[in-house]
Amino acid sequence: MSVSITAPAMDAALRLRLQPSALEVIDESYQHAGHVGADDSGVGTHFRIRIACPAFDGKSRVARHRLVYDALQDFIDQGVHAIAIEVL
């Protein structure tokens, strides 16, 4: 499945899948120009996710991150190189 790799598209996928109480998706690709996994466009390769979610309650850090990665798997499959996750 081809998806548009944008912060709003990732935001929508996370909201649909995890129903977070707080969420911010930031495309930081421009900061990684010339790094491994970056392309010349400056968008769509490196993201920061700040998220609070009731589904995280009682789960380990690894389990919380796994939930986020699972929700974003289509984006990862399409070329997202890095996702920094900050659980609020």
PDB file of N, CA and C in Angstrom:
ATOM      1  N   MET A   1       0.844  -1.184   0.000  1.00  0.00           N
ATOM      2  CA  MET A   1       0.000   0.000   0.000  1.00  0.00           C
ATOM      3  C   MET A   1       0.887   1.246   0.000  1.00  0.00           C
ATOM      4  N   SER A   2       0.651   2.127  -0.933  1.00  0.00           N
ATOM      5  CA  SER A   2       1.419   3.360  -1.019  1.00  0.00           C
ATOM      6  C   SER A   2       0.748   4.440  -0.178  1.00  0.00           C
ATOM      7  N   VAL A   3       1.529   5.074   0.666  1.00  0.00           N
ATOM      8  CA  VAL A   3       1.012   6.151   1.515  1.00  0.00           C
ATOM      9  C   VAL A   3       1.821   7.416   1.257  1.00  0.00           C
ATOM     10  N   SER A   4       1.194   8.537   1.522  1.00  0.00           N
ATOM     11  CA  SER A   4       1.884   9.817   1.429  1.00  0.00           C
ATOM     12  C   SER A   4       2.674  10.007   2.720  1.00  0.00           C
ATOM     13  N   ILE A   5       3.978  10.169   2.597  1.00  0.00           N
ATOM     14  CA  ILE A   5       4.820  10.289   3.790  1.00  0.00           C
ATOM     15  C   ILE A   5       4.906  11.758   4.190  1.00  0.00           C
ATOM     16  N   THR A   6       3.919  12.176   4.985  1.00  0.00           N
ATOM     17  CA  THR A   6       3.868  13.542   5.497  1.00  0.00           C
ATOM     18  C   THR A   6       3.511  13.498   6.972  1.00  0.00           C
ATOM     19  N   ALA A   7       3.834  14.550   7.685  1.00  0.00           N
ATOM     20  CA  ALA A   7       3.472  14.637   9.096  1.00  0.00           C
ATOM     21  C   ALA A   7       1.959  14.550   9.284  1.00  0.00           C
ATOM     22  N   PRO A   8       1.141  15.255   8.478  1.00  0.00           N
ATOM     23  CA  PRO A   8      -0.308  15.127   8.661  1.00  0.00           C
ATOM     24  C   PRO A   8      -0.835  13.705   8.418  1.00  0.00           C
ATOM     25  N   ALA A   9      -0.273  13.006   7.445  1.00  0.00           N
ATOM     26  CA  ALA A   9      -0.706  11.633   7.177  1.00  0.00           C
ATOM     27  C   ALA A   9      -0.331  10.710   8.335  1.00  0.00           C
ATOM     28  N   MET A  10       0.860  10.900   8.886  1.00  0.00           N
ATOM     29  CA  MET A  10       1.279  10.092  10.033  1.00  0.00           C
ATOM     30  C   MET A  10       0.429  10.424  11.251  1.00  0.00           C
ATOM     31  N   ASP A  11       0.127  11.695  11.438  1.00  0.00           N
ATOM     32  CA  ASP A  11      -0.741  12.132  12.531  1.00  0.00           C
ATOM     33  C   ASP A  11      -2.092  11.428  12.435  1.00  0.00           C
ATOM     34  N   ALA A  12      -2.681  11.421  11.245  1.00  0.00           N
ATOM     35  CA  ALA A  12      -3.986  10.788  11.039  1.00  0.00           C
ATOM     36  C   ALA A  12      -3.935   9.295  11.343  1.00  0.00           C
ATOM     37  N   ALA A  13      -2.870   8.623  10.909  1.00  0.00           N
ATOM     38  CA  ALA A  13      -2.735   7.183  11.154  1.00  0.00           C
ATOM     39  C   ALA A  13      -2.619   6.893  12.644  1.00  0.00           C
ATOM     40  N   LEU A  14      -1.835   7.697  13.350  1.00  0.00           N
ATOM     41  CA  LEU A  14      -1.680   7.494  14.792  1.00  0.00           C
ATOM     42  C   LEU A  14      -2.984   7.774  15.536  1.00  0.00           C
ATOM     43  N   ARG A  15      -3.690   8.819  15.141  1.00  0.00           N
ATOM     44  CA  ARG A  15      -4.970   9.138  15.785  1.00  0.00           C
ATOM     45  C   ARG A  15      -5.989   8.024  15.562  1.00  0.00           C
ATOM     46  N   LEU A  16      -6.038   7.502  14.355  1.00  0.00           N
ATOM     47  CA  LEU A  16      -6.968   6.421  14.037  1.00  0.00           C
ATOM     48  C   LEU A  16      -6.650   5.151  14.818  1.00  0.00           C
ATOM     49  N   ARG A  17      -5.390   4.806  14.860  1.00  0.00           N
ATOM     50  CA  ARG A  17      -4.970   3.529  15.444  1.00  0.00           C
ATOM     51  C   ARG A  17      -4.857   3.562  16.967  1.00  0.00           C
ATOM     52  N   LEU A  18      -4.344   4.669  17.530  1.00  0.00           N
ATOM     53  CA  LEU A  18      -4.042   4.699  18.962  1.00  0.00           C
ATOM     54  C   LEU A  18      -4.939   5.630  19.778  1.00  0.00           C
ATOM     55  N   GLN A  19      -5.666   6.526  19.124  1.00  0.00           N
ATOM     56  CA  GLN A  19      -6.526   7.487  19.810  1.00  0.00           C
ATOM     57  C   GLN A  19      -5.794   8.187  20.961  1.00  0.00           C
ATOM     58  N   PRO A  20      -4.708   8.877  20.640  1.00  0.00           N
ATOM     59  CA  PRO A  20      -3.897   9.536  21.676  1.00  0.00           C
ATOM     60  C   PRO A  20      -4.627  10.722  22.309  1.00  0.00           C
ATOM     61  N   SER A  21      -4.240  11.016  23.547  1.00  0.00           N
ATOM     62  CA  SER A  21      -4.791  12.189  24.234  1.00  0.00           C
ATOM     63  C   SER A  21      -3.982  13.438  23.888  1.00  0.00           C
ATOM     64  N   ALA A  22      -2.755  13.259  23.429  1.00  0.00           N
ATOM     65  CA  ALA A  22      -1.908  14.360  22.951  1.00  0.00           C
ATOM     66  C   ALA A  22      -1.011  13.791  21.863  1.00  0.00           C
ATOM     67  N   LEU A  23      -0.810  14.580  20.799  1.00  0.00           N
ATOM     68  CA  LEU A  23       0.007  14.100  19.691  1.00  0.00           C
ATOM     69  C   LEU A  23       0.592  15.268  18.919  1.00  0.00           C
ATOM     70  N   GLU A  24       1.874  15.143  18.606  1.00  0.00           N
ATOM     71  CA  GLU A  24       2.552  16.096  17.731  1.00  0.00           C
ATOM     72  C   GLU A  24       3.486  15.293  16.832  1.00  0.00           C
ATOM     73  N   VAL A  25       3.370  15.467  15.545  1.00  0.00           N
ATOM     74  CA  VAL A  25       4.227  14.793  14.570  1.00  0.00           C
ATOM     75  C   VAL A  25       5.009  15.879  13.842  1.00  0.00           C
ATOM     76  N   ILE A  26       6.326  15.795  13.911  1.00  0.00           N
ATOM     77  CA  ILE A  26       7.196  16.825  13.351  1.00  0.00           C
ATOM     78  C   ILE A  26       8.126  16.193  12.319  1.00  0.00           C
ATOM     79  N   ASP A  27       8.115  16.747  11.104  1.00  0.00           N
ATOM     80  CA  ASP A  27       9.039  16.295  10.066  1.00  0.00           C
ATOM     81  C   ASP A  27      10.361  17.035  10.263  1.00  0.00           C
ATOM     82  N   GLU A  28      11.385  16.306  10.679  1.00  0.00           N
ATOM     83  CA  GLU A  28      12.709  16.880  10.930  1.00  0.00           C
ATOM     84  C   GLU A  28      13.696  16.523   9.822  1.00  0.00           C
ATOM     85  N   SER A  29      13.188  16.089   8.696  1.00  0.00           N
ATOM     86  CA  SER A  29      14.050  15.614   7.606  1.00  0.00           C
ATOM     87  C   SER A  29      15.070  16.655   7.168  1.00  0.00           C
ATOM     88  N   TYR A  30      14.672  17.913   7.135  1.00  0.00           N
ATOM     89  CA  TYR A  30      15.571  18.980   6.684  1.00  0.00           C
ATOM     90  C   TYR A  30      16.834  19.060   7.549  1.00  0.00           C
ATOM     91  N   GLN A  31      16.736  18.606   8.796  1.00  0.00           N
ATOM     92  CA  GLN A  31      17.895  18.649   9.695  1.00  0.00           C
ATOM     93  C   GLN A  31      18.897  17.538   9.409  1.00  0.00           C
ATOM     94  N   HIS A  32      18.517  16.600   8.561  1.00  0.00           N
ATOM     95  CA  HIS A  32      19.347  15.422   8.316  1.00  0.00           C
ATOM     96  C   HIS A  32      19.895  15.370   6.897  1.00  0.00           C
ATOM     97  N   ALA A  33      19.865  16.466   6.195  1.00  0.00           N
ATOM     98  CA  ALA A  33      20.395  16.507   4.827  1.00  0.00           C
ATOM     99  C   ALA A  33      21.846  16.015   4.824  1.00  0.00           C
ATOM    100  N   GLY A  34      22.131  15.105   3.942  1.00  0.00           N
ATOM    101  CA  GLY A  34      23.480  14.552   3.843  1.00  0.00           C
ATOM    102  C   GLY A  34      23.727  13.362   4.745  1.00  0.00           C
ATOM    103  N   HIS A  35      22.798  13.048   5.631  1.00  0.00           N
ATOM    104  CA  HIS A  35      22.944  11.896   6.516  1.00  0.00           C
ATOM    105  C   HIS A  35      22.410  10.645   5.830  1.00  0.00           C
ATOM    106  N   VAL A  36      22.774   9.510   6.352  1.00  0.00           N
ATOM    107  CA  VAL A  36      22.272   8.235   5.845  1.00  0.00           C
ATOM    108  C   VAL A  36      20.749   8.219   5.968  1.00  0.00           C
ATOM    109  N   GLY A  37      20.074   7.766   4.930  1.00  0.00           N
ATOM    110  CA  GLY A  37      18.620   7.651   4.939  1.00  0.00           C
ATOM    111  C   GLY A  37      17.894   8.905   4.502  1.00  0.00           C
ATOM    112  N   ALA A  38      18.611  10.004   4.373  1.00  0.00           N
ATOM    113  CA  ALA A  38      17.984  11.254   3.923  1.00  0.00           C
ATOM    114  C   ALA A  38      18.071  11.331   2.409  1.00  0.00           C
ATOM    115  N   ASP A  39      17.122  12.038   1.825  1.00  0.00           N
ATOM    116  CA  ASP A  39      17.224  12.292   0.389  1.00  0.00           C
ATOM    117  C   ASP A  39      17.348  13.802   0.184  1.00  0.00           C
ATOM    118  N   ASP A  40      17.390  14.234  -1.033  1.00  0.00           N
ATOM    119  CA  ASP A  40      17.599  15.652  -1.326  1.00  0.00           C
ATOM    120  C   ASP A  40      16.347  16.505  -1.143  1.00  0.00           C
ATOM    121  N   SER A  41      15.194  15.881  -0.897  1.00  0.00           N
ATOM    122  CA  SER A  41      13.949  16.645  -0.797  1.00  0.00           C
ATOM    123  C   SER A  41      13.829  17.409   0.518  1.00  0.00           C
ATOM    124  N   GLY A  42      14.461  16.901   1.582  1.00  0.00           N
ATOM    125  CA  GLY A  42      14.354  17.548   2.889  1.00  0.00           C
ATOM    126  C   GLY A  42      13.045  17.257   3.608  1.00  0.00           C
ATOM    127  N   VAL A  43      12.256  16.318   3.101  1.00  0.00           N
ATOM    128  CA  VAL A  43      11.004  15.939   3.749  1.00  0.00           C
ATOM    129  C   VAL A  43      10.808  14.426   3.677  1.00  0.00           C
ATOM    130  N   GLY A  44      10.032  13.899   4.628  1.00  0.00           N
ATOM    131  CA  GLY A  44       9.567  12.526   4.549  1.00  0.00           C
ATOM    132  C   GLY A  44      10.503  11.417   4.951  1.00  0.00           C
ATOM    133  N   THR A  45      11.623  11.722   5.608  1.00  0.00           N
ATOM    134  CA  THR A  45      12.536  10.639   5.993  1.00  0.00           C
ATOM    135  C   THR A  45      12.767  10.537   7.500  1.00  0.00           C
ATOM    136  N   HIS A  46      12.722  11.654   8.214  1.00  0.00           N
ATOM    137  CA  HIS A  46      13.022  11.680   9.647  1.00  0.00           C
ATOM    138  C   HIS A  46      11.907  12.421  10.384  1.00  0.00           C
ATOM    139  N   PHE A  47      11.307  11.758  11.367  1.00  0.00           N
ATOM    140  CA  PHE A  47      10.188  12.339  12.099  1.00  0.00           C
ATOM    141  C   PHE A  47      10.379  12.229  13.601  1.00  0.00           C
ATOM    142  N   ARG A  48       9.793  13.166  14.316  1.00  0.00           N
ATOM    143  CA  ARG A  48       9.710  13.128  15.776  1.00  0.00           C
ATOM    144  C   ARG A  48       8.234  13.031  16.133  1.00  0.00           C
ATOM    145  N   ILE A  49       7.904  12.057  16.992  1.00  0.00           N
ATOM    146  CA  ILE A  49       6.536  11.841  17.462  1.00  0.00           C
ATOM    147  C   ILE A  49       6.509  12.120  18.957  1.00  0.00           C
ATOM    148  N   ARG A  50       5.685  13.065  19.356  1.00  0.00           N
ATOM    149  CA  ARG A  50       5.428  13.324  20.778  1.00  0.00           C
ATOM    150  C   ARG A  50       4.002  12.869  21.036  1.00  0.00           C
ATOM    151  N   ILE A  51       3.838  11.905  21.951  1.00  0.00           N
ATOM    152  CA  ILE A  51       2.534  11.266  22.087  1.00  0.00           C
ATOM    153  C   ILE A  51       2.232  10.862  23.529  1.00  0.00           C
ATOM    154  N   ALA A  52       0.988  11.077  23.925  1.00  0.00           N
ATOM    155  CA  ALA A  52       0.442  10.551  25.175  1.00  0.00           C
ATOM    156  C   ALA A  52      -0.769   9.726  24.774  1.00  0.00           C
ATOM    157  N   CYS A  53      -0.904   8.555  25.373  1.00  0.00           N
ATOM    158  CA  CYS A  53      -1.942   7.647  24.903  1.00  0.00           C
ATOM    159  C   CYS A  53      -2.378   6.703  26.027  1.00  0.00           C
ATOM    160  N   PRO A  54      -3.683   6.590  26.286  1.00  0.00           N
ATOM    161  CA  PRO A  54      -4.150   5.655  27.304  1.00  0.00           C
ATOM    162  C   PRO A  54      -3.725   4.211  27.018  1.00  0.00           C
ATOM    163  N   ALA A  55      -3.530   3.860  25.752  1.00  0.00           N
ATOM    164  CA  ALA A  55      -3.102   2.496  25.402  1.00  0.00           C
ATOM    165  C   ALA A  55      -1.712   2.174  25.938  1.00  0.00           C
ATOM    166  N   PHE A  56      -0.961   3.200  26.329  1.00  0.00           N
ATOM    167  CA  PHE A  56       0.386   2.995  26.870  1.00  0.00           C
ATOM    168  C   PHE A  56       0.383   2.621  28.349  1.00  0.00           C
ATOM    169  N   ASP A  57      -0.725   2.841  29.032  1.00  0.00           N
ATOM    170  CA  ASP A  57      -0.786   2.601  30.476  1.00  0.00           C
ATOM    171  C   ASP A  57      -0.359   1.179  30.824  1.00  0.00           C
ATOM    172  N   GLY A  58       0.593   1.073  31.744  1.00  0.00           N
ATOM    173  CA  GLY A  58       1.067  -0.217  32.215  1.00  0.00           C
ATOM    174  C   GLY A  58       2.026  -0.930  31.280  1.00  0.00           C
ATOM    175  N   LYS A  59       2.374  -0.308  30.166  1.00  0.00           N
ATOM    176  CA  LYS A  59       3.271  -0.946  29.206  1.00  0.00           C
ATOM    177  C   LYS A  59       4.703  -0.412  29.359  1.00  0.00           C
ATOM    178  N   SER A  60       5.647  -1.243  29.033  1.00  0.00           N
ATOM    179  CA  SER A  60       7.049  -0.845  29.075  1.00  0.00           C
ATOM    180  C   SER A  60       7.345   0.137  27.954  1.00  0.00           C
ATOM    181  N   ARG A  61       8.499   0.776  28.039  1.00  0.00           N
ATOM    182  CA  ARG A  61       8.928   1.717  26.996  1.00  0.00           C
ATOM    183  C   ARG A  61       8.995   1.013  25.644  1.00  0.00           C
ATOM    184  N   VAL A  62       9.533  -0.181  25.620  1.00  0.00           N
ATOM    185  CA  VAL A  62       9.650  -0.939  24.368  1.00  0.00           C
ATOM    186  C   VAL A  62       8.263  -1.252  23.805  1.00  0.00           C
ATOM    187  N   ALA A  63       7.332  -1.658  24.648  1.00  0.00           N
ATOM    188  CA  ALA A  63       5.973  -1.975  24.193  1.00  0.00           C
ATOM    189  C   ALA A  63       5.265  -0.728  23.659  1.00  0.00           C
ATOM    190  N   ARG A  64       5.500   0.419  24.290  1.00  0.00           N
ATOM    191  CA  ARG A  64       4.899   1.672  23.814  1.00  0.00           C
ATOM    192  C   ARG A  64       5.435   2.034  22.435  1.00  0.00           C
ATOM    193  N   HIS A  65       6.740   1.921  22.281  1.00  0.00           N
ATOM    194  CA  HIS A  65       7.357   2.231  20.988  1.00  0.00           C
ATOM    195  C   HIS A  65       6.868   1.264  19.918  1.00  0.00           C
ATOM    196  N   ARG A  66       6.708   0.005  20.275  1.00  0.00           N
ATOM    197  CA  ARG A  66       6.230  -0.991  19.323  1.00  0.00           C
ATOM    198  C   ARG A  66       4.826  -0.639  18.819  1.00  0.00           C
ATOM    199  N   LEU A  67       3.964  -0.142  19.706  1.00  0.00           N
ATOM    200  CA  LEU A  67       2.619   0.284  19.293  1.00  0.00           C
ATOM    201  C   LEU A  67       2.696   1.407  18.257  1.00  0.00           C
ATOM    202  N   VAL A  68       3.601   2.359  18.483  1.00  0.00           N
ATOM    203  CA  VAL A  68       3.763   3.465  17.537  1.00  0.00           C
ATOM    204  C   VAL A  68       4.302   2.945  16.212  1.00  0.00           C
ATOM    205  N   TYR A  69       5.336   2.121  16.254  1.00  0.00           N
ATOM    206  CA  TYR A  69       5.899   1.566  15.024  1.00  0.00           C
ATOM    207  C   TYR A  69       4.858   0.748  14.256  1.00  0.00           C
ATOM    208  N   ASP A  70       4.069  -0.043  14.975  1.00  0.00           N
ATOM    209  CA  ASP A  70       3.032  -0.840  14.314  1.00  0.00           C
ATOM    210  C   ASP A  70       2.020   0.057  13.605  1.00  0.00           C
ATOM    211  N   ALA A  71       1.653   1.167  14.239  1.00  0.00           N
ATOM    212  CA  ALA A  71       0.690   2.096  13.645  1.00  0.00           C
ATOM    213  C   ALA A  71       1.263   2.794  12.413  1.00  0.00           C
ATOM    214  N   LEU A  72       2.577   2.886  12.344  1.00  0.00           N
ATOM    215  CA  LEU A  72       3.236   3.603  11.247  1.00  0.00           C
ATOM    216  C   LEU A  72       3.940   2.677  10.251  1.00  0.00           C
ATOM    217  N   GLN A  73       3.671   1.390  10.320  1.00  0.00           N
ATOM    218  CA  GLN A  73       4.392   0.419   9.494  1.00  0.00           C
ATOM    219  C   GLN A  73       4.311   0.727   7.999  1.00  0.00           C
ATOM    220  N   ASP A  74       3.154   1.164   7.519  1.00  0.00           N
ATOM    221  CA  ASP A  74       3.030   1.486   6.096  1.00  0.00           C
ATOM    222  C   ASP A  74       4.002   2.599   5.689  1.00  0.00           C
ATOM    223  N   PHE A  75       4.201   3.570   6.584  1.00  0.00           N
ATOM    224  CA  PHE A  75       5.126   4.676   6.304  1.00  0.00           C
ATOM    225  C   PHE A  75       6.578   4.180   6.306  1.00  0.00           C
ATOM    226  N   ILE A  76       6.879   3.316   7.251  1.00  0.00           N
ATOM    227  CA  ILE A  76       8.221   2.746   7.342  1.00  0.00           C
ATOM    228  C   ILE A  76       8.517   1.936   6.073  1.00  0.00           C
ATOM    229  N   ASP A  77       7.534   1.157   5.646  1.00  0.00           N
ATOM    230  CA  ASP A  77       7.694   0.351   4.432  1.00  0.00           C
ATOM    231  C   ASP A  77       7.911   1.215   3.196  1.00  0.00           C
ATOM    232  N   GLN A  78       7.404   2.447   3.208  1.00  0.00           N
ATOM    233  CA  GLN A  78       7.515   3.353   2.066  1.00  0.00           C
ATOM    234  C   GLN A  78       8.765   4.229   2.122  1.00  0.00           C
ATOM    235  N   GLY A  79       9.583   4.130   3.179  1.00  0.00           N
ATOM    236  CA  GLY A  79      10.849   4.843   3.161  1.00  0.00           C
ATOM    237  C   GLY A  79      11.169   5.760   4.331  1.00  0.00           C
ATOM    238  N   VAL A  80      10.299   5.815   5.351  1.00  0.00           N
ATOM    239  CA  VAL A  80      10.677   6.594   6.531  1.00  0.00           C
ATOM    240  C   VAL A  80      11.925   5.956   7.118  1.00  0.00           C
ATOM    241  N   HIS A  81      12.935   6.745   7.337  1.00  0.00           N
ATOM    242  CA  HIS A  81      14.224   6.230   7.806  1.00  0.00           C
ATOM    243  C   HIS A  81      14.332   6.232   9.332  1.00  0.00           C
ATOM    244  N   ALA A  82      13.827   7.285   9.977  1.00  0.00           N
ATOM    245  CA  ALA A  82      13.999   7.397  11.420  1.00  0.00           C
ATOM    246  C   ALA A  82      12.762   8.023  12.062  1.00  0.00           C
ATOM    247  N   ILE A  83      12.395   7.469  13.227  1.00  0.00           N
ATOM    248  CA  ILE A  83      11.302   8.006  14.029  1.00  0.00           C
ATOM    249  C   ILE A  83      11.792   8.109  15.453  1.00  0.00           C
ATOM    250  N   ALA A  84      11.830   9.343  15.959  1.00  0.00           N
ATOM    251  CA  ALA A  84      12.167   9.569  17.365  1.00  0.00           C
ATOM    252  C   ALA A  84      10.850   9.674  18.117  1.00  0.00           C
ATOM    253  N   ILE A  85      10.685   8.855  19.140  1.00  0.00           N
ATOM    254  CA  ILE A  85       9.423   8.806  19.877  1.00  0.00           C
ATOM    255  C   ILE A  85       9.633   9.361  21.276  1.00  0.00           C
ATOM    256  N   GLU A  86       8.835  10.375  21.617  1.00  0.00           N
ATOM    257  CA  GLU A  86       8.815  10.931  22.963  1.00  0.00           C
ATOM    258  C   GLU A  86       7.452  10.659  23.563  1.00  0.00           C
ATOM    259  N   VAL A  87       7.408   9.793  24.558  1.00  0.00           N
ATOM    260  CA  VAL A  87       6.147   9.494  25.239  1.00  0.00           C
ATOM    261  C   VAL A  87       5.947  10.536  26.322  1.00  0.00           C
ATOM    262  N   LEU A  88       4.821  11.225  26.246  1.00  0.00           N
ATOM    263  CA  LEU A  88       4.511  12.310  27.197  1.00  0.00           C
ATOM    264  C   LEU A  88       3.799  11.768  28.420  1.00  0.00           C
TER     265      LEU A  88
END
